[in-house]
Amino acid sequence: MTILFLILASIVYAWVSLAPWVPTSNKDLNRLHKIAKLKKGETFLEMGCGNGRVCTYIARKNPSAKVIGIELALPFYLFTKIRVMIFGPKNLKIIFGNALKYDISNIDVIYVFGLMETVNKEIKKKIEKELPKNSRFISYIFTIKEWSGQKETHKETDKTSGIHVYMK
């Protein structure tokens, strides 16, 4: 019973701190890969990686980059960690933890599909403080209000989701 409670508590905590699990659309994975423009040796971090679909796709498309997925909901973390251990890719590392507390000072590209409120409060403060110069922060669907640096919005059609890139 205690184990079940801990598992459910980790899911609820993850949902209220960053976002409930709603996966990035499959049709947007390649578009995200192109927008990220990862270079050899760069590091990509997915905050709240869920089942690891995005970070796995990015790692496979960029074998010379380091890719990290961080997840707080225990069941998603365990599923993704085991899948990556068995099937790879080798340049992908899955971490159990709170993405909002993870040190991003050495990350080149950060990706998140988080709640609007979380993106505009906790994540905005974090990237303003820690995001290195020339790094990119990518937000799926939700925008950061009042961003003082550079911003690009990628939207193919009115029916596709916006992918927003922020730089200092």
C-alpha atoms as a PDB file:
ATOM      1  CA  MET A   1       0.000   0.000   0.000  1.00  0.00           C
ATOM      2  CA  THR A   2       2.845   2.390   0.863  1.00  0.00           C
ATOM      3  CA  ILE A   3       4.535   1.736  -2.472  1.00  0.00           C
ATOM      4  CA  LEU A   4       1.318   2.439  -4.364  1.00  0.00           C
ATOM      5  CA  PHE A   5       0.891   5.679  -2.427  1.00  0.00           C
ATOM      6  CA  LEU A   6       4.466   6.760  -3.252  1.00  0.00           C
ATOM      7  CA  ILE A   7       3.958   5.998  -6.941  1.00  0.00           C
ATOM      8  CA  LEU A   8       0.687   7.937  -7.097  1.00  0.00           C
ATOM      9  CA  ALA A   9       2.149  10.795  -5.063  1.00  0.00           C
ATOM     10  CA  SER A  10       5.079  11.110  -7.490  1.00  0.00           C
ATOM     11  CA  ILE A  11       2.663  11.342 -10.436  1.00  0.00           C
ATOM     12  CA  VAL A  12       0.480  13.957  -8.753  1.00  0.00           C
ATOM     13  CA  TYR A  13       3.495  16.008  -7.664  1.00  0.00           C
ATOM     14  CA  ALA A  14       4.931  15.909 -11.198  1.00  0.00           C
ATOM     15  CA  TRP A  15       1.592  17.012 -12.653  1.00  0.00           C
ATOM     16  CA  VAL A  16       1.220  20.015 -10.367  1.00  0.00           C
ATOM     17  CA  SER A  17       4.863  21.094 -10.506  1.00  0.00           C
ATOM     18  CA  LEU A  18       5.472  20.986 -14.280  1.00  0.00           C
ATOM     19  CA  ALA A  19       2.593  19.435 -16.229  1.00  0.00           C
ATOM     20  CA  PRO A  20       0.266  16.457 -16.446  1.00  0.00           C
ATOM     21  CA  TRP A  21       1.485  13.873 -18.908  1.00  0.00           C
ATOM     22  CA  VAL A  22       0.387  15.020 -22.334  1.00  0.00           C
ATOM     23  CA  PRO A  23       2.867  13.885 -24.967  1.00  0.00           C
ATOM     24  CA  THR A  24       4.319  16.042 -27.722  1.00  0.00           C
ATOM     25  CA  SER A  25       2.582  15.212 -30.991  1.00  0.00           C
ATOM     26  CA  ASN A  26       4.399  12.606 -33.106  1.00  0.00           C
ATOM     27  CA  LYS A  27       4.029  14.823 -36.173  1.00  0.00           C
ATOM     28  CA  ASP A  28       6.034  17.554 -34.419  1.00  0.00           C
ATOM     29  CA  LEU A  29       9.066  15.430 -33.471  1.00  0.00           C
ATOM     30  CA  ASN A  30      10.989  16.029 -36.700  1.00  0.00           C
ATOM     31  CA  ARG A  31      10.034  19.710 -36.687  1.00  0.00           C
ATOM     32  CA  LEU A  32      11.357  19.986 -33.120  1.00  0.00           C
ATOM     33  CA  HIS A  33      14.573  18.222 -34.167  1.00  0.00           C
ATOM     34  CA  LYS A  34      15.106  20.746 -36.989  1.00  0.00           C
ATOM     35  CA  ILE A  35      14.321  23.724 -34.741  1.00  0.00           C
ATOM     36  CA  ALA A  36      16.724  22.533 -31.997  1.00  0.00           C
ATOM     37  CA  LYS A  37      19.638  22.598 -34.479  1.00  0.00           C
ATOM     38  CA  LEU A  38      21.834  20.501 -32.214  1.00  0.00           C
ATOM     39  CA  LYS A  39      25.513  20.611 -33.069  1.00  0.00           C
ATOM     40  CA  LYS A  40      28.153  17.978 -32.392  1.00  0.00           C
ATOM     41  CA  GLY A  41      28.953  17.836 -28.684  1.00  0.00           C
ATOM     42  CA  GLU A  42      25.998  19.950 -27.549  1.00  0.00           C
ATOM     43  CA  THR A  43      23.724  18.880 -24.706  1.00  0.00           C
ATOM     44  CA  PHE A  44      19.921  18.669 -25.024  1.00  0.00           C
ATOM     45  CA  LEU A  45      17.736  18.464 -21.906  1.00  0.00           C
ATOM     46  CA  GLU A  46      14.068  17.504 -21.899  1.00  0.00           C
ATOM     47  CA  MET A  47      12.419  18.763 -18.704  1.00  0.00           C
ATOM     48  CA  GLY A  48       9.683  16.306 -17.733  1.00  0.00           C
ATOM     49  CA  CYS A  49      10.434  13.631 -20.320  1.00  0.00           C
ATOM     50  CA  GLY A  50       7.453  11.372 -19.512  1.00  0.00           C
ATOM     51  CA  ASN A  51       7.815   8.222 -21.615  1.00  0.00           C
ATOM     52  CA  GLY A  52      11.006   9.558 -23.220  1.00  0.00           C
ATOM     53  CA  ARG A  53       9.651   9.765 -26.744  1.00  0.00           C
ATOM     54  CA  VAL A  54      11.049  13.250 -27.465  1.00  0.00           C
ATOM     55  CA  CYS A  55      14.497  12.777 -25.911  1.00  0.00           C
ATOM     56  CA  THR A  56      14.837   9.336 -27.551  1.00  0.00           C
ATOM     57  CA  TYR A  57      13.963  10.786 -30.962  1.00  0.00           C
ATOM     58  CA  ILE A  58      16.411  13.681 -30.502  1.00  0.00           C
ATOM     59  CA  ALA A  59      19.166  11.306 -29.321  1.00  0.00           C
ATOM     60  CA  ARG A  60      18.715   9.001 -32.316  1.00  0.00           C
ATOM     61  CA  LYS A  61      18.758  11.948 -34.748  1.00  0.00           C
ATOM     62  CA  ASN A  62      21.827  13.478 -33.072  1.00  0.00           C
ATOM     63  CA  PRO A  63      24.219  10.654 -32.111  1.00  0.00           C
ATOM     64  CA  SER A  64      27.109  13.091 -31.531  1.00  0.00           C
ATOM     65  CA  ALA A  65      25.101  15.105 -28.979  1.00  0.00           C
ATOM     66  CA  LYS A  66      24.488  14.343 -25.319  1.00  0.00           C
ATOM     67  CA  VAL A  67      20.769  14.025 -24.514  1.00  0.00           C
ATOM     68  CA  ILE A  68      19.234  14.046 -21.041  1.00  0.00           C
ATOM     69  CA  GLY A  69      15.652  13.381 -20.030  1.00  0.00           C
ATOM     70  CA  ILE A  70      14.580  14.208 -16.508  1.00  0.00           C
ATOM     71  CA  GLU A  71      11.331  12.891 -15.022  1.00  0.00           C
ATOM     72  CA  LEU A  72       9.716  13.161 -11.595  1.00  0.00           C
ATOM     73  CA  ALA A  73       6.821  10.700 -11.944  1.00  0.00           C
ATOM     74  CA  LEU A  74       8.267   7.368 -10.811  1.00  0.00           C
ATOM     75  CA  PRO A  75       6.332   5.048 -13.184  1.00  0.00           C
ATOM     76  CA  PHE A  76       7.304   7.095 -16.267  1.00  0.00           C
ATOM     77  CA  TYR A  77      10.909   7.337 -15.083  1.00  0.00           C
ATOM     78  CA  LEU A  78      11.200   3.564 -14.509  1.00  0.00           C
ATOM     79  CA  PHE A  79       9.549   2.710 -17.844  1.00  0.00           C
ATOM     80  CA  THR A  80      11.786   5.104 -19.771  1.00  0.00           C
ATOM     81  CA  LYS A  81      14.963   4.177 -17.884  1.00  0.00           C
ATOM     82  CA  ILE A  82      14.452   0.448 -18.559  1.00  0.00           C
ATOM     83  CA  ARG A  83      13.548   1.028 -22.216  1.00  0.00           C
ATOM     84  CA  VAL A  84      16.660   3.153 -22.775  1.00  0.00           C
ATOM     85  CA  MET A  85      18.878   0.621 -20.954  1.00  0.00           C
ATOM     86  CA  ILE A  86      17.642  -2.153 -23.246  1.00  0.00           C
ATOM     87  CA  PHE A  87      17.127  -0.383 -26.578  1.00  0.00           C
ATOM     88  CA  GLY A  88      19.315   2.722 -26.293  1.00  0.00           C
ATOM     89  CA  PRO A  89      20.336   5.079 -27.700  1.00  0.00           C
ATOM     90  CA  LYS A  90      23.704   5.239 -25.940  1.00  0.00           C
ATOM     91  CA  ASN A  91      23.878   9.053 -25.915  1.00  0.00           C
ATOM     92  CA  LEU A  92      20.663   9.337 -23.862  1.00  0.00           C
ATOM     93  CA  LYS A  93      20.654   9.531 -20.058  1.00  0.00           C
ATOM     94  CA  ILE A  94      17.403   9.379 -18.055  1.00  0.00           C
ATOM     95  CA  ILE A  95      17.422  11.012 -14.612  1.00  0.00           C
ATOM     96  CA  PHE A  96      14.873  10.747 -11.808  1.00  0.00           C
ATOM     97  CA  GLY A  97      14.296  14.158 -10.298  1.00  0.00           C
ATOM     98  CA  ASN A  98      12.632  17.522 -10.350  1.00  0.00           C
ATOM     99  CA  ALA A  99      13.511  19.341 -13.583  1.00  0.00           C
ATOM    100  CA  LEU A 100      12.860  22.679 -11.879  1.00  0.00           C
ATOM    101  CA  LYS A 101      15.774  21.959  -9.510  1.00  0.00           C
ATOM    102  CA  TYR A 102      18.173  20.572 -12.128  1.00  0.00           C
ATOM    103  CA  ASP A 103      21.276  22.664 -12.886  1.00  0.00           C
ATOM    104  CA  ILE A 104      20.933  23.929 -16.465  1.00  0.00           C
ATOM    105  CA  SER A 105      24.079  26.093 -16.512  1.00  0.00           C
ATOM    106  CA  ASN A 106      25.858  23.698 -18.918  1.00  0.00           C
ATOM    107  CA  ILE A 107      22.919  22.874 -21.187  1.00  0.00           C
ATOM    108  CA  ASP A 108      22.813  24.053 -24.814  1.00  0.00           C
ATOM    109  CA  VAL A 109      19.184  23.265 -25.669  1.00  0.00           C
ATOM    110  CA  ILE A 110      16.332  22.831 -23.196  1.00  0.00           C
ATOM    111  CA  TYR A 111      12.914  21.549 -24.241  1.00  0.00           C
ATOM    112  CA  VAL A 112       9.716  21.588 -22.210  1.00  0.00           C
ATOM    113  CA  PHE A 113       6.028  20.962 -22.743  1.00  0.00           C
ATOM    114  CA  GLY A 114       4.867  22.418 -19.454  1.00  0.00           C
ATOM    115  CA  LEU A 115       1.851  24.216 -18.111  1.00  0.00           C
ATOM    116  CA  MET A 116       1.517  27.891 -19.101  1.00  0.00           C
ATOM    117  CA  GLU A 117       1.679  28.990 -15.464  1.00  0.00           C
ATOM    118  CA  THR A 118       4.788  26.905 -14.738  1.00  0.00           C
ATOM    119  CA  VAL A 119       6.536  28.087 -17.917  1.00  0.00           C
ATOM    120  CA  ASN A 120       5.866  31.735 -17.047  1.00  0.00           C
ATOM    121  CA  LYS A 121       6.766  31.551 -13.378  1.00  0.00           C
ATOM    122  CA  GLU A 122       9.252  28.907 -12.277  1.00  0.00           C
ATOM    123  CA  ILE A 123      10.824  28.052 -15.631  1.00  0.00           C
ATOM    124  CA  LYS A 124      11.130  31.672 -16.801  1.00  0.00           C
ATOM    125  CA  LYS A 125      12.953  32.615 -13.573  1.00  0.00           C
ATOM    126  CA  LYS A 126      15.196  29.575 -13.855  1.00  0.00           C
ATOM    127  CA  ILE A 127      16.248  30.158 -17.454  1.00  0.00           C
ATOM    128  CA  GLU A 128      16.732  33.914 -16.911  1.00  0.00           C
ATOM    129  CA  LYS A 129      19.102  33.077 -14.062  1.00  0.00           C
ATOM    130  CA  GLU A 130      20.852  29.891 -15.285  1.00  0.00           C
ATOM    131  CA  LEU A 131      20.554  29.563 -19.078  1.00  0.00           C
ATOM    132  CA  PRO A 132      23.994  30.121 -20.612  1.00  0.00           C
ATOM    133  CA  LYS A 133      24.459  32.731 -23.331  1.00  0.00           C
ATOM    134  CA  ASN A 134      23.922  31.263 -26.833  1.00  0.00           C
ATOM    135  CA  SER A 135      21.801  28.427 -25.414  1.00  0.00           C
ATOM    136  CA  ARG A 136      18.236  27.837 -26.566  1.00  0.00           C
ATOM    137  CA  PHE A 137      15.093  27.228 -24.555  1.00  0.00           C
ATOM    138  CA  ILE A 138      12.267  25.588 -26.525  1.00  0.00           C
ATOM    139  CA  SER A 139       8.684  25.605 -25.292  1.00  0.00           C
ATOM    140  CA  TYR A 140       6.064  23.487 -27.023  1.00  0.00           C
ATOM    141  CA  ILE A 141       2.761  25.358 -27.469  1.00  0.00           C
ATOM    142  CA  PHE A 142       3.064  27.806 -24.538  1.00  0.00           C
ATOM    143  CA  THR A 143       4.868  31.145 -24.765  1.00  0.00           C
ATOM    144  CA  ILE A 144       6.878  33.042 -22.190  1.00  0.00           C
ATOM    145  CA  LYS A 145       5.356  36.440 -21.568  1.00  0.00           C
ATOM    146  CA  GLU A 146       7.590  39.518 -21.471  1.00  0.00           C
ATOM    147  CA  TRP A 147      10.784  37.818 -22.631  1.00  0.00           C
ATOM    148  CA  SER A 148      13.611  40.355 -22.928  1.00  0.00           C
ATOM    149  CA  GLY A 149      15.896  38.311 -25.187  1.00  0.00           C
ATOM    150  CA  GLN A 150      15.506  36.901 -28.685  1.00  0.00           C
ATOM    151  CA  LYS A 151      12.425  34.883 -29.548  1.00  0.00           C
ATOM    152  CA  GLU A 152      11.376  32.832 -32.569  1.00  0.00           C
ATOM    153  CA  THR A 153       8.022  31.155 -33.111  1.00  0.00           C
ATOM    154  CA  HIS A 154       7.769  28.237 -35.544  1.00  0.00           C
ATOM    155  CA  LYS A 155       4.306  27.407 -36.814  1.00  0.00           C
ATOM    156  CA  GLU A 156       3.859  25.679 -40.166  1.00  0.00           C
ATOM    157  CA  THR A 157       0.100  26.207 -40.493  1.00  0.00           C
ATOM    158  CA  ASP A 158      -2.810  27.395 -38.384  1.00  0.00           C
ATOM    159  CA  LYS A 159      -3.412  23.747 -37.474  1.00  0.00           C
ATOM    160  CA  THR A 160       0.106  23.013 -36.206  1.00  0.00           C
ATOM    161  CA  SER A 161       1.237  23.745 -32.669  1.00  0.00           C
ATOM    162  CA  GLY A 162       3.600  26.614 -32.045  1.00  0.00           C
ATOM    163  CA  ILE A 163       7.156  25.788 -31.059  1.00  0.00           C
ATOM    164  CA  HIS A 164       8.767  28.769 -29.356  1.00  0.00           C
ATOM    165  CA  VAL A 165      12.542  29.287 -29.074  1.00  0.00           C
ATOM    166  CA  TYR A 166      14.018  31.706 -26.544  1.00  0.00           C
ATOM    167  CA  MET A 167      17.619  32.913 -26.338  1.00  0.00           C
ATOM    168  CA  LYS A 168      19.355  35.411 -24.062  1.00  0.00           C
END
